[in-house]
Amino acid sequence: MQLTLLNRIWQRIRQFFREIRAEVKKVTWPTKEEVKVLTLVVVLFVFIFTAFIGIVDLILARVFAFIAK
């Protein structure tokens, strides 16, 4: 009885990994060029967004400092 349970668990684990392998084969992987371009887009977006948040923070700090006086 114990062996049968372990057998079923092992079968399910093997089936799980077979299904993972099948799904990974279906994935359309990006080319190196696409990865480079998308990475550049993300880095630029982070830089621009960081600058925007920094400017808004600076403005709000000055506004609140002016109000607090």
PDB file of N, CA and C in Angstrom:
ATOM      1  N   MET A   1       0.834  -1.192   0.000  1.00  0.00           N
ATOM      2  CA  MET A   1       0.000   0.000   0.000  1.00  0.00           C
ATOM      3  C   MET A   1       0.878   1.255   0.000  1.00  0.00           C
ATOM      4  N   GLN A   2       1.872   1.290   0.845  1.00  0.00           N
ATOM      5  CA  GLN A   2       2.776   2.442   0.926  1.00  0.00           C
ATOM      6  C   GLN A   2       3.529   2.626  -0.382  1.00  0.00           C
ATOM      7  N   LEU A   3       3.953   1.535  -0.985  1.00  0.00           N
ATOM      8  CA  LEU A   3       4.688   1.588  -2.239  1.00  0.00           C
ATOM      9  C   LEU A   3       3.810   2.134  -3.358  1.00  0.00           C
ATOM     10  N   THR A   4       2.562   1.762  -3.361  1.00  0.00           N
ATOM     11  CA  THR A   4       1.633   2.241  -4.384  1.00  0.00           C
ATOM     12  C   THR A   4       1.444   3.754  -4.267  1.00  0.00           C
ATOM     13  N   LEU A   5       1.324   4.236  -3.065  1.00  0.00           N
ATOM     14  CA  LEU A   5       1.167   5.673  -2.849  1.00  0.00           C
ATOM     15  C   LEU A   5       2.407   6.416  -3.339  1.00  0.00           C
ATOM     16  N   LEU A   6       3.576   5.908  -2.974  1.00  0.00           N
ATOM     17  CA  LEU A   6       4.817   6.538  -3.437  1.00  0.00           C
ATOM     18  C   LEU A   6       4.928   6.468  -4.955  1.00  0.00           C
ATOM     19  N   ASN A   7       4.488   5.365  -5.525  1.00  0.00           N
ATOM     20  CA  ASN A   7       4.501   5.215  -6.982  1.00  0.00           C
ATOM     21  C   ASN A   7       3.628   6.273  -7.653  1.00  0.00           C
ATOM     22  N   ARG A   8       2.427   6.465  -7.116  1.00  0.00           N
ATOM     23  CA  ARG A   8       1.517   7.469  -7.689  1.00  0.00           C
ATOM     24  C   ARG A   8       2.080   8.877  -7.554  1.00  0.00           C
ATOM     25  N   ILE A   9       2.674   9.166  -6.403  1.00  0.00           N
ATOM     26  CA  ILE A   9       3.285  10.493  -6.200  1.00  0.00           C
ATOM     27  C   ILE A   9       4.406  10.702  -7.206  1.00  0.00           C
ATOM     28  N   TRP A  10       5.252   9.688  -7.365  1.00  0.00           N
ATOM     29  CA  TRP A  10       6.369   9.789  -8.309  1.00  0.00           C
ATOM     30  C   TRP A  10       5.852   9.969  -9.742  1.00  0.00           C
ATOM     31  N   GLN A  11       4.802   9.242 -10.105  1.00  0.00           N
ATOM     32  CA  GLN A  11       4.208   9.367 -11.443  1.00  0.00           C
ATOM     33  C   GLN A  11       3.695  10.792 -11.675  1.00  0.00           C
ATOM     34  N   ARG A  12       3.049  11.366 -10.680  1.00  0.00           N
ATOM     35  CA  ARG A  12       2.516  12.730 -10.806  1.00  0.00           C
ATOM     36  C   ARG A  12       3.634  13.749 -10.943  1.00  0.00           C
ATOM     37  N   ILE A  13       4.723  13.550 -10.194  1.00  0.00           N
ATOM     38  CA  ILE A  13       5.862  14.469 -10.287  1.00  0.00           C
ATOM     39  C   ILE A  13       6.468  14.401 -11.686  1.00  0.00           C
ATOM     40  N   ARG A  14       6.648  13.175 -12.196  1.00  0.00           N
ATOM     41  CA  ARG A  14       7.206  13.025 -13.542  1.00  0.00           C
ATOM     42  C   ARG A  14       6.289  13.642 -14.597  1.00  0.00           C
ATOM     43  N   GLN A  15       4.983  13.459 -14.451  1.00  0.00           N
ATOM     44  CA  GLN A  15       4.014  14.042 -15.386  1.00  0.00           C
ATOM     45  C   GLN A  15       4.082  15.570 -15.331  1.00  0.00           C
ATOM     46  N   PHE A  16       4.207  16.113 -14.140  1.00  0.00           N
ATOM     47  CA  PHE A  16       4.315  17.558 -13.972  1.00  0.00           C
ATOM     48  C   PHE A  16       5.504  18.109 -14.758  1.00  0.00           C
ATOM     49  N   PHE A  17       6.662  17.471 -14.624  1.00  0.00           N
ATOM     50  CA  PHE A  17       7.844  17.954 -15.323  1.00  0.00           C
ATOM     51  C   PHE A  17       7.749  17.730 -16.832  1.00  0.00           C
ATOM     52  N   ARG A  18       7.082  16.663 -17.260  1.00  0.00           N
ATOM     53  CA  ARG A  18       6.851  16.470 -18.698  1.00  0.00           C
ATOM     54  C   ARG A  18       5.996  17.604 -19.264  1.00  0.00           C
ATOM     55  N   GLU A  19       4.965  17.994 -18.510  1.00  0.00           N
ATOM     56  CA  GLU A  19       4.097  19.079 -18.955  1.00  0.00           C
ATOM     57  C   GLU A  19       4.840  20.410 -18.983  1.00  0.00           C
ATOM     58  N   ILE A  20       5.707  20.622 -18.008  1.00  0.00           N
ATOM     59  CA  ILE A  20       6.525  21.841 -18.009  1.00  0.00           C
ATOM     60  C   ILE A  20       7.384  21.884 -19.258  1.00  0.00           C
ATOM     61  N   ARG A  21       8.056  20.791 -19.571  1.00  0.00           N
ATOM     62  CA  ARG A  21       8.909  20.733 -20.760  1.00  0.00           C
ATOM     63  C   ARG A  21       8.093  21.015 -22.027  1.00  0.00           C
ATOM     64  N   ALA A  22       6.894  20.445 -22.127  1.00  0.00           N
ATOM     65  CA  ALA A  22       6.046  20.666 -23.296  1.00  0.00           C
ATOM     66  C   ALA A  22       5.650  22.134 -23.416  1.00  0.00           C
ATOM     67  N   GLU A  23       5.319  22.764 -22.301  1.00  0.00           N
ATOM     68  CA  GLU A  23       4.921  24.176 -22.341  1.00  0.00           C
ATOM     69  C   GLU A  23       6.096  25.078 -22.691  1.00  0.00           C
ATOM     70  N   VAL A  24       7.277  24.789 -22.167  1.00  0.00           N
ATOM     71  CA  VAL A  24       8.454  25.608 -22.457  1.00  0.00           C
ATOM     72  C   VAL A  24       8.802  25.530 -23.937  1.00  0.00           C
ATOM     73  N   LYS A  25       8.581  24.385 -24.559  1.00  0.00           N
ATOM     74  CA  LYS A  25       8.841  24.247 -25.997  1.00  0.00           C
ATOM     75  C   LYS A  25       7.901  25.103 -26.831  1.00  0.00           C
ATOM     76  N   LYS A  26       6.724  25.438 -26.306  1.00  0.00           N
ATOM     77  CA  LYS A  26       5.754  26.258 -27.029  1.00  0.00           C
ATOM     78  C   LYS A  26       6.079  27.753 -26.970  1.00  0.00           C
ATOM     79  N   VAL A  27       6.947  28.144 -26.052  1.00  0.00           N
ATOM     80  CA  VAL A  27       7.251  29.556 -25.837  1.00  0.00           C
ATOM     81  C   VAL A  27       8.022  30.107 -27.025  1.00  0.00           C
ATOM     82  N   THR A  28       7.648  31.310 -27.449  1.00  0.00           N
ATOM     83  CA  THR A  28       8.403  32.009 -28.482  1.00  0.00           C
ATOM     84  C   THR A  28       9.399  32.912 -27.774  1.00  0.00           C
ATOM     85  N   TRP A  29      10.665  32.540 -27.823  1.00  0.00           N
ATOM     86  CA  TRP A  29      11.699  33.281 -27.118  1.00  0.00           C
ATOM     87  C   TRP A  29      12.143  34.470 -27.948  1.00  0.00           C
ATOM     88  N   PRO A  30      12.409  35.620 -27.321  1.00  0.00           N
ATOM     89  CA  PRO A  30      12.860  36.800 -28.069  1.00  0.00           C
ATOM     90  C   PRO A  30      14.292  36.618 -28.584  1.00  0.00           C
ATOM     91  N   THR A  31      14.588  37.331 -29.660  1.00  0.00           N
ATOM     92  CA  THR A  31      15.951  37.302 -30.185  1.00  0.00           C
ATOM     93  C   THR A  31      16.846  38.184 -29.320  1.00  0.00           C
ATOM     94  N   LYS A  32      18.154  38.073 -29.521  1.00  0.00           N
ATOM     95  CA  LYS A  32      19.085  38.908 -28.758  1.00  0.00           C
ATOM     96  C   LYS A  32      18.817  40.383 -29.021  1.00  0.00           C
ATOM     97  N   GLU A  33      18.528  40.707 -30.274  1.00  0.00           N
ATOM     98  CA  GLU A  33      18.263  42.109 -30.631  1.00  0.00           C
ATOM     99  C   GLU A  33      17.018  42.627 -29.916  1.00  0.00           C
ATOM    100  N   GLU A  34      15.972  41.831 -29.860  1.00  0.00           N
ATOM    101  CA  GLU A  34      14.755  42.237 -29.153  1.00  0.00           C
ATOM    102  C   GLU A  34      15.032  42.442 -27.666  1.00  0.00           C
ATOM    103  N   VAL A  35      15.825  41.562 -27.086  1.00  0.00           N
ATOM    104  CA  VAL A  35      16.163  41.694 -25.661  1.00  0.00           C
ATOM    105  C   VAL A  35      16.933  42.987 -25.424  1.00  0.00           C
ATOM    106  N   LYS A  36      17.884  43.299 -26.302  1.00  0.00           N
ATOM    107  CA  LYS A  36      18.666  44.534 -26.158  1.00  0.00           C
ATOM    108  C   LYS A  36      17.761  45.760 -26.235  1.00  0.00           C
ATOM    109  N   VAL A  37      16.886  45.792 -27.237  1.00  0.00           N
ATOM    110  CA  VAL A  37      16.005  46.948 -27.419  1.00  0.00           C
ATOM    111  C   VAL A  37      15.049  47.090 -26.240  1.00  0.00           C
ATOM    112  N   LEU A  38      14.440  45.996 -25.828  1.00  0.00           N
ATOM    113  CA  LEU A  38      13.495  46.076 -24.710  1.00  0.00           C
ATOM    114  C   LEU A  38      14.188  46.446 -23.401  1.00  0.00           C
ATOM    115  N   THR A  39      15.407  45.968 -23.202  1.00  0.00           N
ATOM    116  CA  THR A  39      16.158  46.348 -22.015  1.00  0.00           C
ATOM    117  C   THR A  39      16.448  47.842 -22.029  1.00  0.00           C
ATOM    118  N   LEU A  40      16.829  48.364 -23.173  1.00  0.00           N
ATOM    119  CA  LEU A  40      17.085  49.799 -23.304  1.00  0.00           C
ATOM    120  C   LEU A  40      15.816  50.601 -23.018  1.00  0.00           C
ATOM    121  N   VAL A  41      14.689  50.138 -23.525  1.00  0.00           N
ATOM    122  CA  VAL A  41      13.417  50.826 -23.275  1.00  0.00           C
ATOM    123  C   VAL A  41      13.120  50.858 -21.781  1.00  0.00           C
ATOM    124  N   VAL A  42      13.323  49.743 -21.099  1.00  0.00           N
ATOM    125  CA  VAL A  42      13.051  49.686 -19.660  1.00  0.00           C
ATOM    126  C   VAL A  42      13.982  50.614 -18.893  1.00  0.00           C
ATOM    127  N   VAL A  43      15.278  50.592 -19.228  1.00  0.00           N
ATOM    128  CA  VAL A  43      16.247  51.449 -18.533  1.00  0.00           C
ATOM    129  C   VAL A  43      15.900  52.922 -18.748  1.00  0.00           C
ATOM    130  N   LEU A  44      15.571  53.295 -19.982  1.00  0.00           N
ATOM    131  CA  LEU A  44      15.199  54.689 -20.256  1.00  0.00           C
ATOM    132  C   LEU A  44      13.930  55.083 -19.512  1.00  0.00           C
ATOM    133  N   PHE A  45      12.932  54.194 -19.505  1.00  0.00           N
ATOM    134  CA  PHE A  45      11.698  54.491 -18.792  1.00  0.00           C
ATOM    135  C   PHE A  45      11.964  54.694 -17.305  1.00  0.00           C
ATOM    136  N   VAL A  46      12.786  53.841 -16.712  1.00  0.00           N
ATOM    137  CA  VAL A  46      13.110  53.969 -15.279  1.00  0.00           C
ATOM    138  C   VAL A  46      13.829  55.293 -15.025  1.00  0.00           C
ATOM    139  N   PHE A  47      14.771  55.650 -15.893  1.00  0.00           N
ATOM    140  CA  PHE A  47      15.493  56.904 -15.748  1.00  0.00           C
ATOM    141  C   PHE A  47      14.543  58.100 -15.829  1.00  0.00           C
ATOM    142  N   ILE A  48      13.678  58.107 -16.840  1.00  0.00           N
ATOM    143  CA  ILE A  48      12.727  59.220 -17.018  1.00  0.00           C
ATOM    144  C   ILE A  48      11.754  59.287 -15.838  1.00  0.00           C
ATOM    145  N   PHE A  49      11.227  58.138 -15.424  1.00  0.00           N
ATOM    146  CA  PHE A  49      10.282  58.115 -14.317  1.00  0.00           C
ATOM    147  C   PHE A  49      10.949  58.559 -13.018  1.00  0.00           C
ATOM    148  N   THR A  50      12.197  58.147 -12.803  1.00  0.00           N
ATOM    149  CA  THR A  50      12.938  58.571 -11.618  1.00  0.00           C
ATOM    150  C   THR A  50      13.141  60.079 -11.609  1.00  0.00           C
ATOM    151  N   ALA A  51      13.495  60.637 -12.764  1.00  0.00           N
ATOM    152  CA  ALA A  51      13.670  62.090 -12.869  1.00  0.00           C
ATOM    153  C   ALA A  51      12.349  62.801 -12.584  1.00  0.00           C
ATOM    154  N   PHE A  52      11.253  62.274 -13.129  1.00  0.00           N
ATOM    155  CA  PHE A  52       9.936  62.878 -12.907  1.00  0.00           C
ATOM    156  C   PHE A  52       9.578  62.869 -11.422  1.00  0.00           C
ATOM    157  N   ILE A  53       9.738  61.733 -10.772  1.00  0.00           N
ATOM    158  CA  ILE A  53       9.420  61.631  -9.344  1.00  0.00           C
ATOM    159  C   ILE A  53      10.326  62.558  -8.537  1.00  0.00           C
ATOM    160  N   GLY A  54      11.595  62.648  -8.905  1.00  0.00           N
ATOM    161  CA  GLY A  54      12.517  63.539  -8.204  1.00  0.00           C
ATOM    162  C   GLY A  54      12.096  64.994  -8.317  1.00  0.00           C
ATOM    163  N   ILE A  55      11.677  65.404  -9.525  1.00  0.00           N
ATOM    164  CA  ILE A  55      11.244  66.791  -9.730  1.00  0.00           C
ATOM    165  C   ILE A  55       9.968  67.073  -8.941  1.00  0.00           C
ATOM    166  N   VAL A  56       9.011  66.151  -8.992  1.00  0.00           N
ATOM    167  CA  VAL A  56       7.766  66.331  -8.231  1.00  0.00           C
ATOM    168  C   VAL A  56       8.069  66.401  -6.738  1.00  0.00           C
ATOM    169  N   ASP A  57       8.963  65.566  -6.255  1.00  0.00           N
ATOM    170  CA  ASP A  57       9.346  65.580  -4.843  1.00  0.00           C
ATOM    171  C   ASP A  57       9.973  66.913  -4.462  1.00  0.00           C
ATOM    172  N   LEU A  58      10.854  67.419  -5.309  1.00  0.00           N
ATOM    173  CA  LEU A  58      11.503  68.701  -5.045  1.00  0.00           C
ATOM    174  C   LEU A  58      10.472  69.832  -4.982  1.00  0.00           C
ATOM    175  N   ILE A  59       9.561  69.844  -5.943  1.00  0.00           N
ATOM    176  CA  ILE A  59       8.521  70.889  -5.975  1.00  0.00           C
ATOM    177  C   ILE A  59       7.643  70.803  -4.729  1.00  0.00           C
ATOM    178  N   LEU A  60       7.187  69.593  -4.400  1.00  0.00           N
ATOM    179  CA  LEU A  60       6.314  69.447  -3.233  1.00  0.00           C
ATOM    180  C   LEU A  60       7.042  69.798  -1.936  1.00  0.00           C
ATOM    181  N   ALA A  61       8.317  69.459  -1.839  1.00  0.00           N
ATOM    182  CA  ALA A  61       9.084  69.819  -0.640  1.00  0.00           C
ATOM    183  C   ALA A  61       9.150  71.324  -0.480  1.00  0.00           C
ATOM    184  N   ARG A  62       9.373  72.029  -1.568  1.00  0.00           N
ATOM    185  CA  ARG A  62       9.442  73.487  -1.493  1.00  0.00           C
ATOM    186  C   ARG A  62       8.081  74.100  -1.184  1.00  0.00           C
ATOM    187  N   VAL A  63       7.011  73.534  -1.765  1.00  0.00           N
ATOM    188  CA  VAL A  63       5.672  74.048  -1.493  1.00  0.00           C
ATOM    189  C   VAL A  63       5.336  73.859  -0.015  1.00  0.00           C
ATOM    190  N   PHE A  64       5.605  72.674   0.525  1.00  0.00           N
ATOM    191  CA  PHE A  64       5.297  72.420   1.924  1.00  0.00           C
ATOM    192  C   PHE A  64       6.196  73.251   2.842  1.00  0.00           C
ATOM    193  N   ALA A  65       7.430  73.467   2.454  1.00  0.00           N
ATOM    194  CA  ALA A  65       8.325  74.317   3.262  1.00  0.00           C
ATOM    195  C   ALA A  65       7.796  75.745   3.268  1.00  0.00           C
ATOM    196  N   PHE A  66       7.303  76.219   2.135  1.00  0.00           N
ATOM    197  CA  PHE A  66       6.762  77.577   2.048  1.00  0.00           C
ATOM    198  C   PHE A  66       5.506  77.696   2.918  1.00  0.00           C
ATOM    199  N   ILE A  67       4.655  76.670   2.870  1.00  0.00           N
ATOM    200  CA  ILE A  67       3.416  76.670   3.667  1.00  0.00           C
ATOM    201  C   ILE A  67       3.746  76.623   5.157  1.00  0.00           C
ATOM    202  N   ALA A  68       4.767  75.875   5.528  1.00  0.00           N
ATOM    203  CA  ALA A  68       5.114  75.712   6.939  1.00  0.00           C
ATOM    204  C   ALA A  68       5.682  76.977   7.560  1.00  0.00           C
ATOM    205  N   LYS A  69       6.202  77.900   6.750  1.00  0.00           N
ATOM    206  CA  LYS A  69       6.793  79.127   7.295  1.00  0.00           C
ATOM    207  C   LYS A  69       5.790  80.032   7.877  1.00  0.00           C
TER     208      LYS A  69
END
